[in-house]
Every structure is written in structure tokens, then in C-alpha cells.
Amino acid sequence: HLQIVESGGGLVQPGGSLRLSCAVPGFTLDYYAIGWFRQAPGKEREGVACITTNDDSTLYSDSVKGRFTISRGDAMHTVTLQMNSLTAEDAAVYYCTTDSSWRTCERFFSTVNHDFWGQGTQVTVSS
């Protein structure tokens, strides 16, 4: 079983920023797609951002485009999600996910049936 470790959630005021991190230390694929989904109470889990590790191509949902940035971390098999200009609509549990069958971000948000998920990290946006 592949372990995914997330960190960085918390409470932030509207308009503020947070940075989430995701580590997948045991992944042995040479490259893969990895991304973030989020789920707010009473809503379906939705894709937010994705990156492919060989060429750093990215995909964002329309709701976060221009405010969130996904990038590979300095350590191998880590990614970060920089979230700026946060609003109440961004409040949710954020999950890092990856899949041994997905080598690109194309259609990565079309399913929640990815192989590996983190435990989730709570992001709360409130004044």
C-alpha cells in the first residue's frame, strides 16, 4: 500500500494564503500524474489541481485557476499546492491523490477512483 502524507492545512482569513504539501515517498514510477481534490460538507469531491512529474505540465479547475499553483517540491516525490486569495468557497478537506495508471493530467479530474489517497487536510477560511 502506497503511503501519501499531506500537511499544511489550517485556518486562514478570506483573502489569505495557505500552502499544502504532499509526499509520496514510496512511489517507484519514473513519472506520473499527481494532484489535489477537495470535498466540502454536502458536496462531491472535486478535482482542483494536477501536475505530471516528467514535464511539470499542470491542470487546474476553473474555480481555482489563477489563484492556486501546483508544483513539485524540492524533495523527490513531493508536490506543493500554493493557495492564494482564498475565499469561503475554498473551505474543504483537501486530498492528495495519485494513480499508477495515470501518466498525464488529462481527464485526471474525471474520476475519484484513483489508486492512492492521502488522509486529507482541513482548510478553513473564516474571519
N, C-alpha and C. Protein backbone atom coordinates (compact mmCIF):
# COMPACT_ATOMS: atom_id res chain seq x y z
N HIS A 1 0.84 -1.19 0.00
CA HIS A 1 0.00 0.00 0.00
C HIS A 1 0.88 1.24 0.00
N LEU A 2 0.61 2.16 -0.92
CA LEU A 2 1.41 3.37 -1.04
C LEU A 2 0.95 4.41 -0.03
N GLN A 3 1.89 4.96 0.70
CA GLN A 3 1.56 5.96 1.70
C GLN A 3 1.64 7.35 1.09
N ILE A 4 0.63 8.16 1.34
CA ILE A 4 0.61 9.57 0.94
C ILE A 4 0.48 10.40 2.20
N VAL A 5 1.36 11.35 2.38
CA VAL A 5 1.37 12.17 3.59
C VAL A 5 1.13 13.62 3.21
N GLU A 6 0.07 14.20 3.76
CA GLU A 6 -0.28 15.59 3.48
C GLU A 6 -0.02 16.45 4.72
N SER A 7 0.22 17.72 4.47
CA SER A 7 0.38 18.66 5.57
C SER A 7 0.07 20.06 5.07
N GLY A 8 -0.14 20.98 6.02
CA GLY A 8 -0.25 22.39 5.66
C GLY A 8 -1.63 23.00 5.75
N GLY A 9 -2.64 22.23 6.07
CA GLY A 9 -3.96 22.83 6.19
C GLY A 9 -4.07 23.69 7.43
N GLY A 10 -5.20 24.35 7.59
CA GLY A 10 -5.40 25.18 8.77
C GLY A 10 -6.46 26.23 8.54
N LEU A 11 -6.47 27.22 9.42
CA LEU A 11 -7.43 28.31 9.38
C LEU A 11 -6.78 29.55 8.78
N VAL A 12 -7.49 30.18 7.86
CA VAL A 12 -6.97 31.39 7.23
C VAL A 12 -8.13 32.35 7.01
N GLN A 13 -7.84 33.63 7.04
CA GLN A 13 -8.87 34.63 6.78
C GLN A 13 -9.13 34.74 5.28
N PRO A 14 -10.32 35.18 4.92
CA PRO A 14 -10.59 35.42 3.48
C PRO A 14 -9.55 36.34 2.88
N GLY A 15 -9.10 35.97 1.70
CA GLY A 15 -8.04 36.73 1.04
C GLY A 15 -6.64 36.26 1.39
N GLY A 16 -6.54 35.38 2.34
CA GLY A 16 -5.23 34.90 2.78
C GLY A 16 -4.72 33.75 1.93
N SER A 17 -3.59 33.19 2.37
CA SER A 17 -2.91 32.14 1.63
C SER A 17 -2.57 30.97 2.54
N LEU A 18 -2.51 29.80 1.92
CA LEU A 18 -2.04 28.59 2.59
C LEU A 18 -1.23 27.78 1.59
N ARG A 19 -0.36 26.96 2.12
CA ARG A 19 0.46 26.10 1.27
C ARG A 19 0.32 24.67 1.78
N LEU A 20 -0.14 23.80 0.90
CA LEU A 20 -0.28 22.39 1.24
C LEU A 20 0.88 21.61 0.63
N SER A 21 1.28 20.56 1.32
CA SER A 21 2.35 19.70 0.82
C SER A 21 1.88 18.25 0.80
N CYS A 22 2.42 17.51 -0.14
CA CYS A 22 2.08 16.10 -0.28
C CYS A 22 3.36 15.34 -0.59
N ALA A 23 3.60 14.28 0.16
CA ALA A 23 4.77 13.44 -0.06
C ALA A 23 4.34 12.02 -0.36
N VAL A 24 4.97 11.44 -1.38
CA VAL A 24 4.68 10.05 -1.76
C VAL A 24 6.02 9.32 -1.82
N PRO A 25 6.60 9.03 -0.69
CA PRO A 25 7.98 8.54 -0.67
C PRO A 25 8.18 7.18 -1.30
N GLY A 26 7.15 6.36 -1.36
CA GLY A 26 7.34 5.00 -1.85
C GLY A 26 7.04 4.79 -3.30
N PHE A 27 6.74 5.85 -4.04
CA PHE A 27 6.35 5.69 -5.43
C PHE A 27 7.58 5.42 -6.28
N THR A 28 7.53 4.38 -7.08
CA THR A 28 8.71 3.98 -7.84
C THR A 28 8.58 4.25 -9.33
N LEU A 29 7.44 4.76 -9.78
CA LEU A 29 7.29 5.07 -11.19
C LEU A 29 8.24 6.20 -11.58
N ASP A 30 8.67 6.19 -12.84
CA ASP A 30 9.59 7.23 -13.27
C ASP A 30 8.88 8.56 -13.42
N TYR A 31 7.62 8.53 -13.83
CA TYR A 31 6.83 9.76 -13.85
C TYR A 31 5.35 9.40 -13.72
N TYR A 32 4.57 10.34 -13.29
CA TYR A 32 3.16 10.07 -13.04
C TYR A 32 2.43 11.39 -12.85
N ALA A 33 1.12 11.30 -12.84
CA ALA A 33 0.27 12.44 -12.52
C ALA A 33 -0.07 12.38 -11.04
N ILE A 34 -0.08 13.52 -10.41
CA ILE A 34 -0.42 13.62 -9.00
C ILE A 34 -1.17 14.92 -8.81
N GLY A 35 -2.17 14.90 -7.95
CA GLY A 35 -2.97 16.11 -7.83
C GLY A 35 -3.72 16.21 -6.53
N TRP A 36 -4.53 17.25 -6.47
CA TRP A 36 -5.33 17.53 -5.29
C TRP A 36 -6.81 17.57 -5.66
N PHE A 37 -7.60 16.93 -4.81
CA PHE A 37 -9.04 17.06 -4.85
C PHE A 37 -9.47 17.71 -3.54
N ARG A 38 -10.69 18.17 -3.51
CA ARG A 38 -11.23 18.71 -2.26
C ARG A 38 -12.69 18.32 -2.12
N GLN A 39 -13.14 18.28 -0.88
CA GLN A 39 -14.53 17.95 -0.61
C GLN A 39 -15.05 18.80 0.54
N ALA A 40 -16.06 19.59 0.24
CA ALA A 40 -16.72 20.40 1.24
C ALA A 40 -17.94 19.63 1.76
N PRO A 41 -18.41 19.96 2.96
CA PRO A 41 -19.57 19.26 3.52
C PRO A 41 -20.77 19.32 2.58
N GLY A 42 -21.36 18.17 2.33
CA GLY A 42 -22.55 18.11 1.49
C GLY A 42 -22.28 18.19 0.01
N LYS A 43 -21.01 18.24 -0.38
CA LYS A 43 -20.67 18.35 -1.80
C LYS A 43 -19.84 17.16 -2.25
N GLU A 44 -19.81 16.96 -3.55
CA GLU A 44 -19.00 15.88 -4.10
C GLU A 44 -17.52 16.28 -4.10
N ARG A 45 -16.69 15.27 -4.09
CA ARG A 45 -15.26 15.51 -4.19
C ARG A 45 -14.94 16.02 -5.60
N GLU A 46 -14.16 17.07 -5.67
CA GLU A 46 -13.85 17.67 -6.97
C GLU A 46 -12.36 17.87 -7.15
N GLY A 47 -11.92 17.74 -8.39
CA GLY A 47 -10.53 17.97 -8.70
C GLY A 47 -10.18 19.44 -8.65
N VAL A 48 -8.98 19.73 -8.19
CA VAL A 48 -8.53 21.12 -8.01
C VAL A 48 -7.30 21.42 -8.87
N ALA A 49 -6.27 20.59 -8.74
CA ALA A 49 -5.02 20.83 -9.46
C ALA A 49 -4.29 19.52 -9.66
N CYS A 50 -3.55 19.46 -10.76
CA CYS A 50 -2.81 18.24 -11.09
C CYS A 50 -1.50 18.64 -11.76
N ILE A 51 -0.48 17.80 -11.59
CA ILE A 51 0.80 18.03 -12.24
C ILE A 51 1.38 16.69 -12.67
N THR A 52 2.05 16.68 -13.80
CA THR A 52 2.76 15.48 -14.21
C THR A 52 4.24 15.69 -13.92
N THR A 53 4.87 14.68 -13.38
CA THR A 53 6.19 14.87 -12.80
C THR A 53 7.32 14.83 -13.82
N ASN A 54 7.04 14.47 -15.06
CA ASN A 54 8.14 14.44 -16.02
C ASN A 54 8.34 15.78 -16.72
N ASP A 55 7.25 16.49 -16.97
CA ASP A 55 7.38 17.75 -17.69
C ASP A 55 6.72 18.93 -16.99
N ASP A 56 6.22 18.71 -15.78
CA ASP A 56 5.60 19.77 -14.98
C ASP A 56 4.38 20.39 -15.65
N SER A 57 3.75 19.67 -16.56
CA SER A 57 2.50 20.20 -17.10
C SER A 57 1.44 20.14 -16.02
N THR A 58 0.55 21.11 -16.05
CA THR A 58 -0.43 21.24 -14.98
C THR A 58 -1.85 21.37 -15.52
N LEU A 59 -2.78 21.13 -14.63
CA LEU A 59 -4.20 21.26 -14.93
C LEU A 59 -4.86 21.83 -13.69
N TYR A 60 -5.75 22.78 -13.89
CA TYR A 60 -6.47 23.40 -12.78
C TYR A 60 -7.96 23.42 -13.07
N SER A 61 -8.74 23.35 -12.01
CA SER A 61 -10.17 23.57 -12.19
C SER A 61 -10.40 25.05 -12.43
N ASP A 62 -11.50 25.38 -13.07
CA ASP A 62 -11.79 26.79 -13.35
C ASP A 62 -11.94 27.60 -12.07
N SER A 63 -12.40 26.96 -11.01
CA SER A 63 -12.67 27.69 -9.77
C SER A 63 -11.40 28.16 -9.07
N VAL A 64 -10.26 27.56 -9.38
CA VAL A 64 -9.02 27.94 -8.69
C VAL A 64 -7.96 28.51 -9.64
N LYS A 65 -8.23 28.46 -10.92
CA LYS A 65 -7.24 28.92 -11.91
C LYS A 65 -6.87 30.36 -11.64
N GLY A 66 -5.58 30.63 -11.62
CA GLY A 66 -5.10 31.98 -11.37
C GLY A 66 -4.86 32.28 -9.89
N ARG A 67 -5.36 31.43 -9.01
CA ARG A 67 -5.18 31.64 -7.57
C ARG A 67 -4.33 30.55 -6.94
N PHE A 68 -4.44 29.33 -7.45
CA PHE A 68 -3.70 28.19 -6.91
C PHE A 68 -2.57 27.82 -7.88
N THR A 69 -1.48 27.35 -7.29
CA THR A 69 -0.35 26.88 -8.09
C THR A 69 0.15 25.56 -7.54
N ILE A 70 0.20 24.55 -8.40
CA ILE A 70 0.76 23.26 -8.00
C ILE A 70 2.16 23.15 -8.59
N SER A 71 3.07 22.62 -7.81
CA SER A 71 4.45 22.48 -8.27
C SER A 71 5.10 21.30 -7.57
N ARG A 72 6.18 20.83 -8.15
CA ARG A 72 6.92 19.76 -7.49
C ARG A 72 7.79 20.36 -6.40
N GLY A 73 7.90 19.65 -5.30
CA GLY A 73 8.71 20.12 -4.20
C GLY A 73 10.18 19.84 -4.43
N ASP A 74 11.00 20.34 -3.54
CA ASP A 74 12.44 20.13 -3.65
C ASP A 74 12.81 18.67 -3.44
N ALA A 75 12.13 18.02 -2.55
CA ALA A 75 12.40 16.61 -2.31
C ALA A 75 11.71 15.76 -3.36
N MET A 76 12.30 14.64 -3.66
CA MET A 76 11.72 13.74 -4.65
C MET A 76 10.35 13.26 -4.18
N HIS A 77 9.44 13.14 -5.13
CA HIS A 77 8.11 12.62 -4.86
C HIS A 77 7.34 13.50 -3.87
N THR A 78 7.51 14.80 -3.98
CA THR A 78 6.70 15.73 -3.21
C THR A 78 6.10 16.78 -4.13
N VAL A 79 4.92 17.22 -3.80
CA VAL A 79 4.30 18.32 -4.53
C VAL A 79 3.72 19.30 -3.53
N THR A 80 3.60 20.54 -3.94
CA THR A 80 3.00 21.56 -3.09
C THR A 80 1.85 22.22 -3.84
N LEU A 81 0.91 22.73 -3.07
CA LEU A 81 -0.20 23.49 -3.62
C LEU A 81 -0.23 24.83 -2.90
N GLN A 82 0.14 25.86 -3.60
CA GLN A 82 0.09 27.21 -3.06
C GLN A 82 -1.27 27.79 -3.37
N MET A 83 -1.99 28.18 -2.33
CA MET A 83 -3.36 28.67 -2.47
C MET A 83 -3.40 30.13 -2.02
N ASN A 84 -3.75 31.01 -2.94
CA ASN A 84 -3.82 32.44 -2.65
C ASN A 84 -5.24 32.96 -2.84
N SER A 85 -5.50 34.12 -2.27
CA SER A 85 -6.81 34.76 -2.41
C SER A 85 -7.94 33.81 -2.05
N LEU A 86 -7.78 33.17 -0.92
CA LEU A 86 -8.76 32.16 -0.51
C LEU A 86 -10.09 32.80 -0.13
N THR A 87 -11.15 32.10 -0.46
CA THR A 87 -12.49 32.53 -0.11
C THR A 87 -13.20 31.41 0.67
N ALA A 88 -14.36 31.71 1.17
CA ALA A 88 -15.13 30.72 1.93
C ALA A 88 -15.45 29.50 1.07
N GLU A 89 -15.56 29.72 -0.24
CA GLU A 89 -15.87 28.61 -1.15
C GLU A 89 -14.70 27.62 -1.29
N ASP A 90 -13.53 28.02 -0.85
CA ASP A 90 -12.37 27.12 -0.90
C ASP A 90 -12.27 26.23 0.33
N ALA A 91 -13.06 26.51 1.34
CA ALA A 91 -13.01 25.71 2.56
C ALA A 91 -13.46 24.28 2.28
N ALA A 92 -12.63 23.33 2.66
CA ALA A 92 -12.91 21.92 2.38
C ALA A 92 -11.80 21.08 2.98
N VAL A 93 -11.99 19.78 2.91
CA VAL A 93 -10.89 18.86 3.18
C VAL A 93 -10.19 18.61 1.85
N TYR A 94 -8.89 18.81 1.83
CA TYR A 94 -8.10 18.65 0.62
C TYR A 94 -7.36 17.33 0.66
N TYR A 95 -7.44 16.59 -0.43
CA TYR A 95 -6.83 15.27 -0.54
C TYR A 95 -5.82 15.23 -1.67
N CYS A 96 -4.68 14.70 -1.36
CA CYS A 96 -3.67 14.44 -2.39
C CYS A 96 -3.91 13.04 -2.94
N THR A 97 -3.77 12.90 -4.25
CA THR A 97 -4.04 11.61 -4.86
C THR A 97 -3.14 11.35 -6.05
N THR A 98 -2.84 10.10 -6.27
CA THR A 98 -2.09 9.71 -7.45
C THR A 98 -2.51 8.31 -7.86
N ASP A 99 -2.01 7.89 -8.99
CA ASP A 99 -2.53 6.66 -9.57
C ASP A 99 -1.48 6.08 -10.50
N SER A 100 -1.18 4.81 -10.36
CA SER A 100 -0.15 4.18 -11.18
C SER A 100 -0.56 4.09 -12.64
N SER A 101 -1.84 4.29 -12.94
CA SER A 101 -2.31 4.20 -14.32
C SER A 101 -2.39 5.54 -15.02
N TRP A 102 -2.20 6.63 -14.31
CA TRP A 102 -2.36 7.97 -14.88
C TRP A 102 -0.98 8.61 -15.04
N ARG A 103 -0.55 8.75 -16.27
CA ARG A 103 0.75 9.34 -16.54
C ARG A 103 0.64 10.80 -16.97
N THR A 104 -0.58 11.26 -17.23
CA THR A 104 -0.80 12.66 -17.55
C THR A 104 -2.00 13.17 -16.76
N CYS A 105 -2.16 14.48 -16.75
CA CYS A 105 -3.28 15.09 -16.05
C CYS A 105 -4.56 15.11 -16.89
N GLU A 106 -4.47 14.71 -18.13
CA GLU A 106 -5.65 14.72 -18.97
C GLU A 106 -6.75 13.87 -18.36
N ARG A 107 -7.87 14.45 -18.14
CA ARG A 107 -9.05 13.79 -17.57
C ARG A 107 -8.82 13.32 -16.14
N PHE A 108 -7.79 13.79 -15.48
CA PHE A 108 -7.48 13.37 -14.11
C PHE A 108 -8.62 13.69 -13.15
N PHE A 109 -9.35 14.77 -13.47
CA PHE A 109 -10.46 15.17 -12.58
C PHE A 109 -11.75 14.43 -12.90
N SER A 110 -11.75 13.61 -13.95
CA SER A 110 -12.99 12.99 -14.40
C SER A 110 -13.44 11.83 -13.50
N THR A 111 -12.59 11.41 -12.60
CA THR A 111 -12.94 10.29 -11.73
C THR A 111 -12.34 10.49 -10.35
N VAL A 112 -12.97 9.93 -9.34
CA VAL A 112 -12.41 9.91 -7.98
C VAL A 112 -11.86 8.53 -7.66
N ASN A 113 -11.85 7.64 -8.65
CA ASN A 113 -11.40 6.27 -8.41
C ASN A 113 -9.91 6.11 -8.68
N HIS A 114 -9.12 7.00 -8.12
CA HIS A 114 -7.68 6.88 -8.22
C HIS A 114 -7.17 5.91 -7.17
N ASP A 115 -6.00 5.35 -7.44
CA ASP A 115 -5.49 4.26 -6.61
C ASP A 115 -5.20 4.69 -5.17
N PHE A 116 -4.55 5.82 -5.03
CA PHE A 116 -3.98 6.17 -3.73
C PHE A 116 -4.43 7.56 -3.30
N TRP A 117 -4.83 7.64 -2.02
CA TRP A 117 -5.32 8.90 -1.46
C TRP A 117 -4.66 9.15 -0.11
N GLY A 118 -4.42 10.42 0.15
CA GLY A 118 -3.98 10.81 1.47
C GLY A 118 -5.15 10.85 2.44
N GLN A 119 -4.84 11.14 3.69
CA GLN A 119 -5.87 11.14 4.72
C GLN A 119 -6.71 12.42 4.70
N GLY A 120 -6.25 13.42 3.99
CA GLY A 120 -6.96 14.69 3.91
C GLY A 120 -6.45 15.69 4.92
N THR A 121 -6.48 16.95 4.52
CA THR A 121 -6.10 18.04 5.42
C THR A 121 -7.15 19.13 5.31
N GLN A 122 -7.58 19.63 6.46
CA GLN A 122 -8.69 20.59 6.51
C GLN A 122 -8.20 22.00 6.21
N VAL A 123 -8.91 22.67 5.33
CA VAL A 123 -8.68 24.08 5.07
C VAL A 123 -9.95 24.83 5.46
N THR A 124 -9.81 25.75 6.38
CA THR A 124 -10.93 26.55 6.86
C THR A 124 -10.66 28.01 6.53
N VAL A 125 -11.63 28.66 5.90
CA VAL A 125 -11.50 30.07 5.54
C VAL A 125 -12.58 30.84 6.27
N SER A 126 -12.15 31.63 7.22
CA SER A 126 -13.12 32.34 8.05
C SER A 126 -12.47 33.55 8.69
N SER A 127 -13.27 34.59 8.88
CA SER A 127 -12.76 35.77 9.57
C SER A 127 -13.07 35.68 11.05
